[in-house]
Amino acid sequence: MHDEGPIQVIDLEAEVDRFVPDGASGRRSETLVKTRDLRVVLVTMRAGTTLQEHSAPGTTTMQPLSGRFVFTAEGINHEIAPGDLISAAPGVRHVVQTIQDGAFLLTLAWHANASHD
């Protein structure tokens, strides 16, 4: 995580290079921004890696920085790559599969009074 001043500038290319996926799991996640109502997480994944079905308590977005991914929700596969952004409402169960080694920004937002860790 970076300085929590009123303005943060994050070099995403440097962060992707710094946080390569773990050898055993094929993925790695690092929180870049953390506030009461927002998280921005950098996720790096190797091809063939899957984030099993899960949901989040708040609205989420996934924005690929590199690579290609399949985001599956409500029985529909959405192939996404750099230049795309996908959003899911709170509680929507989804799976993320990596087609090509890559990285994405995961943003989670919720009402400031909601409970979360």
C-alpha atoms as a PDB file:
ATOM      1  CA  MET A   1       0.000   0.000   0.000  1.00  0.00           C
ATOM      2  CA  HIS A   2       1.153   3.539  -0.656  1.00  0.00           C
ATOM      3  CA  ASP A   3       1.182   6.842   1.176  1.00  0.00           C
ATOM      4  CA  GLU A   4      -2.339   7.598   2.369  1.00  0.00           C
ATOM      5  CA  GLY A   5      -2.184  11.347   1.737  1.00  0.00           C
ATOM      6  CA  PRO A   6      -4.987  13.167  -0.070  1.00  0.00           C
ATOM      7  CA  ILE A   7      -3.442  12.387  -3.475  1.00  0.00           C
ATOM      8  CA  GLN A   8      -1.788   9.132  -4.515  1.00  0.00           C
ATOM      9  CA  VAL A   9       0.049   8.486  -7.762  1.00  0.00           C
ATOM     10  CA  ILE A  10       0.786   4.839  -8.480  1.00  0.00           C
ATOM     11  CA  ASP A  11       3.032   3.611 -11.289  1.00  0.00           C
ATOM     12  CA  LEU A  12       0.984   0.599 -12.400  1.00  0.00           C
ATOM     13  CA  GLU A  13       3.652  -0.811 -14.721  1.00  0.00           C
ATOM     14  CA  ALA A  14       6.171  -0.810 -11.870  1.00  0.00           C
ATOM     15  CA  GLU A  15       3.648  -2.453  -9.538  1.00  0.00           C
ATOM     16  CA  VAL A  16       2.867  -5.210 -12.065  1.00  0.00           C
ATOM     17  CA  ASP A  17       6.603  -5.877 -12.474  1.00  0.00           C
ATOM     18  CA  ARG A  18       7.062  -5.935  -8.689  1.00  0.00           C
ATOM     19  CA  PHE A  19       4.172  -8.291  -7.880  1.00  0.00           C
ATOM     20  CA  VAL A  20       4.629 -11.309 -10.132  1.00  0.00           C
ATOM     21  CA  PRO A  21       2.236 -14.225  -9.574  1.00  0.00           C
ATOM     22  CA  ASP A  22       3.095 -16.776  -6.889  1.00  0.00           C
ATOM     23  CA  GLY A  23       4.631 -19.964  -8.260  1.00  0.00           C
ATOM     24  CA  ALA A  24       2.274 -22.340  -6.421  1.00  0.00           C
ATOM     25  CA  SER A  25      -1.066 -20.607  -6.933  1.00  0.00           C
ATOM     26  CA  GLY A  26      -0.301 -18.775 -10.183  1.00  0.00           C
ATOM     27  CA  ARG A  27      -1.714 -15.528  -8.822  1.00  0.00           C
ATOM     28  CA  ARG A  28      -0.962 -12.664  -6.492  1.00  0.00           C
ATOM     29  CA  SER A  29      -2.960  -9.730  -5.194  1.00  0.00           C
ATOM     30  CA  GLU A  30      -1.758  -6.544  -3.546  1.00  0.00           C
ATOM     31  CA  THR A  31      -3.930  -3.739  -2.184  1.00  0.00           C
ATOM     32  CA  LEU A  32      -2.886  -0.422  -3.720  1.00  0.00           C
ATOM     33  CA  VAL A  33      -5.582   1.818  -2.208  1.00  0.00           C
ATOM     34  CA  LYS A  34      -7.529   1.150   0.992  1.00  0.00           C
ATOM     35  CA  THR A  35     -10.138   3.482   2.488  1.00  0.00           C
ATOM     36  CA  ARG A  36     -13.350   2.993   4.494  1.00  0.00           C
ATOM     37  CA  ASP A  37     -15.453   2.594   1.351  1.00  0.00           C
ATOM     38  CA  LEU A  38     -13.011   1.638  -1.422  1.00  0.00           C
ATOM     39  CA  ARG A  39     -10.325  -0.918  -2.240  1.00  0.00           C
ATOM     40  CA  VAL A  40      -8.174  -0.980  -5.365  1.00  0.00           C
ATOM     41  CA  VAL A  41      -6.316  -4.256  -5.698  1.00  0.00           C
ATOM     42  CA  LEU A  42      -3.727  -5.239  -8.286  1.00  0.00           C
ATOM     43  CA  VAL A  43      -4.107  -8.900  -9.269  1.00  0.00           C
ATOM     44  CA  THR A  44      -1.498 -10.706 -11.382  1.00  0.00           C
ATOM     45  CA  MET A  45      -2.251 -14.160 -12.785  1.00  0.00           C
ATOM     46  CA  ARG A  46      -0.570 -16.759 -14.968  1.00  0.00           C
ATOM     47  CA  ALA A  47      -2.396 -18.333 -17.931  1.00  0.00           C
ATOM     48  CA  GLY A  48      -4.613 -21.217 -16.861  1.00  0.00           C
ATOM     49  CA  THR A  49      -5.176 -19.858 -13.346  1.00  0.00           C
ATOM     50  CA  THR A  50      -8.750 -19.580 -12.036  1.00  0.00           C
ATOM     51  CA  LEU A  51     -10.281 -17.561  -9.230  1.00  0.00           C
ATOM     52  CA  GLN A  52     -13.035 -19.924  -8.103  1.00  0.00           C
ATOM     53  CA  GLU A  53     -16.627 -18.726  -7.839  1.00  0.00           C
ATOM     54  CA  HIS A  54     -17.007 -15.944  -5.292  1.00  0.00           C
ATOM     55  CA  SER A  55     -18.878 -12.697  -4.694  1.00  0.00           C
ATOM     56  CA  ALA A  56     -18.162  -9.355  -3.055  1.00  0.00           C
ATOM     57  CA  PRO A  57     -20.283  -7.327  -0.629  1.00  0.00           C
ATOM     58  CA  GLY A  58     -20.041  -4.183  -2.756  1.00  0.00           C
ATOM     59  CA  THR A  59     -19.929  -3.145  -6.379  1.00  0.00           C
ATOM     60  CA  THR A  60     -16.799  -4.402  -8.136  1.00  0.00           C
ATOM     61  CA  THR A  61     -15.024  -3.560 -11.348  1.00  0.00           C
ATOM     62  CA  MET A  62     -12.304  -5.469 -13.146  1.00  0.00           C
ATOM     63  CA  GLN A  63     -10.028  -3.620 -15.577  1.00  0.00           C
ATOM     64  CA  PRO A  64      -7.312  -5.645 -17.358  1.00  0.00           C
ATOM     65  CA  LEU A  65      -3.931  -3.936 -17.660  1.00  0.00           C
ATOM     66  CA  SER A  66      -2.354  -6.800 -19.631  1.00  0.00           C
ATOM     67  CA  GLY A  67      -3.303 -10.322 -20.720  1.00  0.00           C
ATOM     68  CA  ARG A  68      -6.734 -11.804 -21.425  1.00  0.00           C
ATOM     69  CA  PHE A  69      -9.362 -13.071 -18.998  1.00  0.00           C
ATOM     70  CA  VAL A  70     -12.799 -14.675 -18.961  1.00  0.00           C
ATOM     71  CA  PHE A  71     -15.202 -13.244 -16.376  1.00  0.00           C
ATOM     72  CA  THR A  72     -18.168 -15.608 -15.951  1.00  0.00           C
ATOM     73  CA  ALA A  73     -21.311 -14.447 -14.157  1.00  0.00           C
ATOM     74  CA  GLU A  74     -24.920 -15.580 -14.337  1.00  0.00           C
ATOM     75  CA  GLY A  75     -23.983 -18.244 -16.899  1.00  0.00           C
ATOM     76  CA  ILE A  76     -22.448 -15.770 -19.355  1.00  0.00           C
ATOM     77  CA  ASN A  77     -18.754 -15.699 -20.312  1.00  0.00           C
ATOM     78  CA  HIS A  78     -17.260 -12.273 -20.964  1.00  0.00           C
ATOM     79  CA  GLU A  79     -13.785 -12.269 -22.517  1.00  0.00           C
ATOM     80  CA  ILE A  80     -11.976  -9.096 -21.478  1.00  0.00           C
ATOM     81  CA  ALA A  81      -8.592  -7.564 -22.277  1.00  0.00           C
ATOM     82  CA  PRO A  82      -6.834  -4.207 -21.840  1.00  0.00           C
ATOM     83  CA  GLY A  83      -9.220  -1.431 -22.798  1.00  0.00           C
ATOM     84  CA  ASP A  84     -12.213  -3.258 -21.284  1.00  0.00           C
ATOM     85  CA  LEU A  85     -13.922  -2.700 -17.950  1.00  0.00           C
ATOM     86  CA  ILE A  86     -16.509  -5.028 -16.419  1.00  0.00           C
ATOM     87  CA  SER A  87     -18.684  -4.240 -13.398  1.00  0.00           C
ATOM     88  CA  ALA A  88     -20.644  -6.529 -11.081  1.00  0.00           C
ATOM     89  CA  ALA A  89     -23.339  -5.539  -8.599  1.00  0.00           C
ATOM     90  CA  PRO A  90     -22.962  -6.494  -4.929  1.00  0.00           C
ATOM     91  CA  GLY A  91     -23.393 -10.218  -4.304  1.00  0.00           C
ATOM     92  CA  VAL A  92     -23.095 -11.330  -7.955  1.00  0.00           C
ATOM     93  CA  ARG A  93     -21.279 -14.678  -7.976  1.00  0.00           C
ATOM     94  CA  HIS A  94     -18.546 -14.881 -10.591  1.00  0.00           C
ATOM     95  CA  VAL A  95     -15.434 -16.768 -11.733  1.00  0.00           C
ATOM     96  CA  VAL A  96     -12.289 -15.302 -13.318  1.00  0.00           C
ATOM     97  CA  GLN A  97     -10.104 -17.418 -15.608  1.00  0.00           C
ATOM     98  CA  THR A  98      -6.814 -16.330 -17.164  1.00  0.00           C
ATOM     99  CA  ILE A  99      -6.372 -17.049 -20.874  1.00  0.00           C
ATOM    100  CA  GLN A 100      -3.057 -15.208 -21.209  1.00  0.00           C
ATOM    101  CA  ASP A 101      -0.651 -14.138 -18.409  1.00  0.00           C
ATOM    102  CA  GLY A 102      -1.789 -10.774 -17.194  1.00  0.00           C
ATOM    103  CA  ALA A 103      -2.740  -8.261 -14.558  1.00  0.00           C
ATOM    104  CA  PHE A 104      -5.920  -6.395 -13.686  1.00  0.00           C
ATOM    105  CA  LEU A 105      -7.177  -3.774 -11.302  1.00  0.00           C
ATOM    106  CA  LEU A 106      -9.978  -4.921  -9.055  1.00  0.00           C
ATOM    107  CA  THR A 107     -11.965  -2.084  -7.513  1.00  0.00           C
ATOM    108  CA  LEU A 108     -14.405  -2.771  -4.679  1.00  0.00           C
ATOM    109  CA  ALA A 109     -16.729  -0.044  -3.433  1.00  0.00           C
ATOM    110  CA  TRP A 110     -19.481  -0.088  -0.826  1.00  0.00           C
ATOM    111  CA  HIS A 111     -21.403   2.304   1.383  1.00  0.00           C
ATOM    112  CA  ALA A 112     -19.088   3.680   4.070  1.00  0.00           C
ATOM    113  CA  ASN A 113     -21.345   2.305   6.828  1.00  0.00           C
ATOM    114  CA  ALA A 114     -21.328  -1.257   5.474  1.00  0.00           C
ATOM    115  CA  SER A 115     -19.302  -3.865   7.322  1.00  0.00           C
ATOM    116  CA  HIS A 116     -16.130  -5.203   5.639  1.00  0.00           C
ATOM    117  CA  ASP A 117     -12.562  -6.106   6.597  1.00  0.00           C
END
